[in-house]
N, C-alpha and C. Protein backbone atom coordinates (compact mmCIF):
# COMPACT_ATOMS: atom_id res chain seq x y z
N MET A 1 114.87 235.46 258.73
CA MET A 1 114.36 235.19 258.77
C MET A 1 113.05 236.34 259.49
N LYS A 2 111.47 235.36 258.59
CA LYS A 2 110.79 236.66 259.41
C LYS A 2 109.61 235.20 259.08
N LEU A 3 108.51 235.78 260.63
CA LEU A 3 106.66 234.02 259.94
C LEU A 3 106.18 235.98 259.62
N LEU A 4 105.68 235.47 258.35
CA LEU A 4 104.34 236.48 258.07
C LEU A 4 102.78 236.21 258.19
N ILE A 5 101.79 236.88 258.56
CA ILE A 5 100.77 236.77 259.23
C ILE A 5 99.93 236.99 258.70
N ALA A 6 99.36 236.97 257.56
CA ALA A 6 98.28 238.53 256.79
C ALA A 6 96.93 237.10 257.20
N VAL A 7 95.80 237.81 257.55
CA VAL A 7 94.51 237.71 257.41
C VAL A 7 93.97 238.84 256.34
N VAL A 8 93.33 237.82 255.32
CA VAL A 8 92.76 237.98 254.18
C VAL A 8 90.34 237.68 253.99
N GLN A 9 90.44 238.29 253.93
CA GLN A 9 88.72 237.89 253.55
C GLN A 9 88.87 237.08 252.78
N ASP A 10 88.19 235.61 252.90
CA ASP A 10 88.11 234.74 251.52
C ASP A 10 87.78 235.07 250.87
N LYS A 11 86.88 236.22 249.97
CA LYS A 11 86.58 237.39 248.51
C LYS A 11 88.18 236.74 247.84
N ASP A 12 89.34 236.91 248.91
CA ASP A 12 90.31 237.52 248.08
C ASP A 12 91.82 236.94 248.62
N SER A 13 90.86 235.70 249.09
CA SER A 13 91.92 234.54 249.23
C SER A 13 91.31 233.53 248.71
N ASN A 14 91.87 233.05 247.08
CA ASN A 14 91.94 232.48 246.05
C ASN A 14 93.09 233.07 245.24
N ARG A 15 92.46 234.16 244.73
CA ARG A 15 94.22 234.71 243.96
C ARG A 15 94.79 235.25 244.80
N LEU A 16 94.61 235.60 246.04
CA LEU A 16 96.49 235.62 246.24
C LEU A 16 96.95 233.93 247.02
N SER A 17 95.92 233.36 247.47
CA SER A 17 96.99 232.36 246.68
C SER A 17 97.36 231.94 245.27
N ASN A 18 96.75 232.16 244.02
CA ASN A 18 97.19 231.50 243.41
C ASN A 18 98.51 232.63 242.89
N SER A 19 98.70 234.27 243.31
CA SER A 19 99.90 235.53 243.02
C SER A 19 100.63 234.68 244.11
N LEU A 20 100.87 234.05 245.03
CA LEU A 20 102.08 233.59 246.43
C LEU A 20 102.32 232.44 245.13
N ILE A 21 101.25 231.58 244.55
CA ILE A 21 102.22 230.53 244.02
C ILE A 21 102.94 230.98 242.97
N ALA A 22 102.19 232.51 242.26
CA ALA A 22 103.12 232.56 240.78
C ALA A 22 104.48 233.31 241.43
N GLU A 23 104.69 233.45 242.32
CA GLU A 23 105.55 234.82 242.81
C GLU A 23 106.70 233.90 243.21
N GLY A 24 105.87 232.47 243.86
CA GLY A 24 107.21 231.54 244.12
C GLY A 24 106.98 230.98 245.89
N PHE A 25 105.71 231.75 246.54
CA PHE A 25 106.18 231.90 247.68
C PHE A 25 105.21 230.55 248.42
N ARG A 26 105.87 229.75 249.81
CA ARG A 26 104.79 228.49 250.41
C ARG A 26 103.96 229.50 250.92
N ALA A 27 102.69 228.89 251.20
CA ALA A 27 102.55 229.58 252.03
C ALA A 27 101.29 228.45 253.00
N THR A 28 101.25 228.53 254.54
CA THR A 28 99.97 227.75 254.62
C THR A 28 98.86 228.44 255.32
N LYS A 29 97.19 227.71 254.51
CA LYS A 29 96.75 228.55 254.93
C LYS A 29 95.12 228.14 256.45
N LEU A 30 94.94 228.95 256.52
CA LEU A 30 93.51 228.29 257.81
C LEU A 30 92.83 229.37 257.62
N ALA A 31 91.36 228.01 257.79
CA ALA A 31 90.45 228.88 258.10
C ALA A 31 90.04 230.27 259.21
N SER A 32 89.52 230.97 259.32
CA SER A 32 89.72 231.97 260.23
C SER A 32 87.98 232.26 260.11
N THR A 33 87.62 233.14 261.76
CA THR A 33 86.42 234.10 261.29
C THR A 33 86.58 234.93 262.59
N GLY A 34 86.54 236.30 261.43
CA GLY A 34 86.56 238.04 261.95
C GLY A 34 85.22 237.70 262.55
N GLY A 35 85.96 238.73 264.23
CA GLY A 35 84.67 238.94 265.15
C GLY A 35 84.48 240.44 265.64
N PHE A 36 84.71 240.59 264.27
CA PHE A 36 83.27 242.14 264.50
C PHE A 36 81.47 241.42 263.44
N LEU A 37 82.27 241.38 261.85
CA LEU A 37 81.39 241.04 261.11
C LEU A 37 81.03 239.17 261.01
N ARG A 38 81.52 238.59 262.26
CA ARG A 38 81.23 237.68 262.27
C ARG A 38 81.78 236.64 260.62
N SER A 39 82.60 237.41 259.74
CA SER A 39 82.33 236.11 258.88
C SER A 39 83.57 235.80 258.16
N GLY A 40 84.01 235.03 257.21
CA GLY A 40 85.20 234.05 257.37
C GLY A 40 86.03 234.65 256.91
N ASN A 41 87.48 234.40 257.28
CA ASN A 41 89.00 234.96 256.83
C ASN A 41 89.11 233.95 256.18
N THR A 42 90.69 234.37 255.63
CA THR A 42 91.18 232.84 255.58
C THR A 42 92.34 233.47 256.63
N THR A 43 93.41 232.54 257.05
CA THR A 43 94.54 233.35 257.60
C THR A 43 96.53 232.59 256.74
N PHE A 44 97.10 233.16 256.46
CA PHE A 44 97.86 232.72 255.52
C PHE A 44 99.88 232.93 256.47
N LEU A 45 100.31 231.81 257.27
CA LEU A 45 101.11 232.54 257.49
C LEU A 45 102.43 232.28 256.40
N ILE A 46 103.23 232.29 256.64
CA ILE A 46 104.72 232.96 254.70
C ILE A 46 105.42 232.85 255.85
N GLY A 47 106.53 231.65 255.41
CA GLY A 47 107.65 231.79 256.26
C GLY A 47 108.62 232.99 254.88
N ILE A 48 109.79 233.65 255.09
CA ILE A 48 110.26 234.61 253.96
C ILE A 48 111.73 234.98 254.69
N GLU A 49 112.30 235.19 253.91
CA GLU A 49 114.02 235.65 254.39
C GLU A 49 112.70 237.69 254.82
N ASP A 50 114.25 238.21 255.23
CA ASP A 50 114.17 239.47 255.20
C ASP A 50 113.92 240.60 254.79
N ASN A 51 115.16 239.78 253.53
CA ASN A 51 114.94 240.67 251.83
C ASN A 51 113.34 240.10 251.51
N GLN A 52 112.52 239.97 251.63
CA GLN A 52 111.86 239.68 250.81
C GLN A 52 110.81 239.98 251.09
N ILE A 53 110.23 241.17 251.80
CA ILE A 53 109.91 241.37 252.73
C ILE A 53 108.62 242.42 252.63
N GLN A 54 109.33 243.45 251.25
CA GLN A 54 108.41 244.40 250.52
C GLN A 54 108.03 243.20 249.24
N HIS A 55 108.12 242.81 249.21
CA HIS A 55 108.34 242.53 247.75
C HIS A 55 106.59 241.04 247.99
N ILE A 56 106.24 240.59 249.52
CA ILE A 56 105.14 240.12 249.21
C ILE A 56 104.08 240.83 250.00
N LEU A 57 105.06 241.95 250.38
CA LEU A 57 103.76 243.38 251.20
C LEU A 57 103.24 243.56 249.41
N ASP A 58 103.57 243.92 249.26
CA ASP A 58 103.40 244.19 247.17
C ASP A 58 102.15 243.46 246.24
N VAL A 59 103.06 241.85 246.76
CA VAL A 59 101.61 240.85 246.23
C VAL A 59 100.37 240.93 246.77
N ILE A 60 100.26 241.22 248.41
CA ILE A 60 99.16 241.06 249.27
C ILE A 60 98.96 242.24 248.87
N ARG A 61 99.38 243.39 248.99
CA ARG A 61 98.73 244.72 248.08
C ARG A 61 97.56 244.58 247.31
N ALA A 62 98.39 243.96 246.55
CA ALA A 62 97.99 244.58 244.86
C ALA A 62 96.08 243.09 244.60
N ASN A 63 96.84 241.75 245.82
CA ASN A 63 95.29 240.91 245.80
C ASN A 63 94.11 241.40 246.74
N CYS A 64 94.31 242.33 247.90
CA CYS A 64 93.58 242.29 248.44
C CYS A 64 92.41 243.29 248.86
N LYS A 65 91.85 243.70 248.16
CA LYS A 65 90.52 245.01 248.11
C LYS A 65 90.42 245.28 249.60
N VAL A 66 90.22 246.13 250.07
CA VAL A 66 88.80 247.64 251.29
C VAL A 66 87.90 247.71 249.51
N ARG A 67 86.47 247.24 250.29
CA ARG A 67 85.06 247.21 249.35
C ARG A 67 84.34 247.55 251.01
N ASP A 68 83.47 248.73 250.98
CA ASP A 68 82.76 248.87 250.82
C ASP A 68 80.99 247.45 251.15
N GLN A 69 80.29 247.39 251.74
CA GLN A 69 79.72 245.82 252.19
C GLN A 69 78.50 246.73 253.50
N LEU A 70 76.85 246.49 252.37
CA LEU A 70 76.08 246.84 253.42
C LEU A 70 75.59 245.76 254.70
N VAL A 71 75.96 245.81 255.98
CA VAL A 71 75.84 244.98 256.86
C VAL A 71 74.25 245.07 257.73
N THR A 72 73.53 244.60 258.67
CA THR A 72 72.67 244.89 259.91
C THR A 72 73.21 244.57 260.60
N PRO A 73 73.36 245.04 261.51
CA PRO A 73 73.84 244.65 263.59
C PRO A 73 73.16 243.63 263.83
N VAL A 74 74.07 243.47 264.53
CA VAL A 74 73.74 242.29 265.48
C VAL A 74 72.70 243.10 266.77
N SER A 75 70.46 242.74 266.69
CA SER A 75 70.36 243.05 267.84
C SER A 75 70.49 243.20 269.66
N PRO A 76 70.98 243.91 270.63
CA PRO A 76 71.87 243.80 271.82
C PRO A 76 70.94 242.40 272.31
N VAL A 77 71.61 242.32 273.05
CA VAL A 77 71.93 241.01 274.15
C VAL A 77 70.64 240.99 275.22
N SER A 78 71.17 242.42 275.70
CA SER A 78 70.02 242.71 277.51
C SER A 78 69.60 244.05 276.54
N GLY A 79 68.43 244.26 277.41
CA GLY A 79 67.81 245.70 277.91
C GLY A 79 66.20 245.27 276.33
N ALA A 80 65.75 246.51 275.74
CA ALA A 80 64.76 246.36 274.85
C ALA A 80 64.87 245.82 273.43
N ALA A 81 65.15 244.89 273.42
CA ALA A 81 65.12 243.82 271.66
C ALA A 81 64.61 244.45 271.70
N ASP A 82 63.56 244.44 272.12
CA ASP A 82 62.21 243.76 271.20
C ASP A 82 61.62 245.39 270.33
N SER A 83 62.11 246.61 270.23
CA SER A 83 61.88 248.44 270.22
C SER A 83 63.36 248.44 269.26
N TYR A 84 64.10 247.64 269.61
CA TYR A 84 65.26 247.74 268.43
C TYR A 84 64.76 247.20 266.85
N ILE A 85 65.63 248.29 266.26
CA ILE A 85 64.84 248.06 264.28
C ILE A 85 66.38 248.52 264.08
N PRO A 86 66.97 246.93 263.35
CA PRO A 86 68.20 247.45 262.67
C PRO A 86 68.67 247.82 261.56
N PHE A 87 69.17 249.11 261.35
CA PHE A 87 69.16 249.66 259.71
C PHE A 87 70.86 249.19 259.57
N PRO A 88 70.62 248.38 258.33
CA PRO A 88 71.86 247.98 257.21
C PRO A 88 73.11 249.46 257.04
N VAL A 89 74.03 249.48 257.91
CA VAL A 89 75.91 250.28 258.20
C VAL A 89 76.36 249.57 257.07
N GLU A 90 77.10 250.83 256.08
CA GLU A 90 78.06 250.19 255.41
C GLU A 90 79.69 250.92 256.51
N VAL A 91 80.01 249.43 255.67
CA VAL A 91 81.31 249.65 256.45
C VAL A 91 82.07 248.40 255.68
N GLN A 92 83.89 249.03 255.68
CA GLN A 92 84.42 248.78 254.91
C GLN A 92 85.09 247.62 255.15
N VAL A 93 85.26 246.47 254.55
CA VAL A 93 85.55 244.61 254.65
C VAL A 93 86.35 244.67 253.90
N GLY A 94 87.05 243.82 253.79
CA GLY A 94 88.83 243.26 252.87
C GLY A 94 89.63 243.87 253.48
N GLY A 95 90.79 243.84 252.20
CA GLY A 95 91.86 244.42 252.40
C GLY A 95 93.17 242.99 253.80
N ALA A 96 93.97 243.28 254.29
CA ALA A 96 94.80 242.43 254.66
C ALA A 96 95.12 243.53 256.10
N ALA A 97 94.65 242.00 257.10
CA ALA A 97 95.71 242.93 258.48
C ALA A 97 97.34 242.13 258.83
N VAL A 98 98.52 242.59 258.49
CA VAL A 98 99.73 241.48 258.69
C VAL A 98 100.50 241.83 259.62
N PHE A 99 100.47 240.38 260.07
CA PHE A 99 101.78 241.23 260.98
C PHE A 99 103.87 240.49 260.63
N VAL A 100 103.82 240.73 260.89
CA VAL A 100 105.50 240.77 260.55
C VAL A 100 106.38 240.11 261.97
N LEU A 101 106.10 238.68 262.05
CA LEU A 101 107.15 238.80 263.24
C LEU A 101 108.28 237.72 263.13
N PRO A 102 109.84 238.10 264.61
CA PRO A 102 111.29 237.67 263.98
C PRO A 102 110.86 235.81 264.11
N VAL A 103 111.89 235.67 263.12
CA VAL A 103 112.03 233.89 263.34
C VAL A 103 113.21 233.17 264.22
N GLU A 104 113.32 232.65 265.48
CA GLU A 104 114.21 232.65 265.70
C GLU A 104 115.37 231.27 265.39
N ARG A 105 114.32 230.75 265.05
CA ARG A 105 114.63 229.07 264.14
C ARG A 105 113.94 228.24 263.48
N PHE A 106 114.47 228.26 262.13
CA PHE A 106 112.67 226.55 261.56
C PHE A 106 114.20 226.16 261.38
N GLU A 107 113.04 224.77 260.74
CA GLU A 107 113.36 223.78 260.47
C GLU A 107 112.35 223.11 259.19
N HIS A 108 112.84 222.46 258.61
CA HIS A 108 111.78 221.74 257.67
C HIS A 108 112.18 219.53 257.27
N PHE A 109 111.03 219.09 257.41
CA PHE A 109 112.17 217.91 258.06
C PHE A 109 111.09 217.39 256.70
């Protein structure tokens, strides 16, 4: 058995959640915040059997797309902040960060 932890952008969260339900997977959703862009994420905790790993990764891949977004960098904390002029920068957001961990024991009450 494995524990799959998937961190996805909030924009992909509902679509992924609906697809997981349609495919018969049960998941726990947790609200989380990204460190780089400080934007909302959703973390899914999913317990799965070893033979289901590729199938669930395909579901996540199909529902969590990478896209480009313009962001304005945060001004520096120290130094000459008054001369700092932020210009929007294009970065890639979305997709999913997925961790697959072994589970020694699982109980459901």
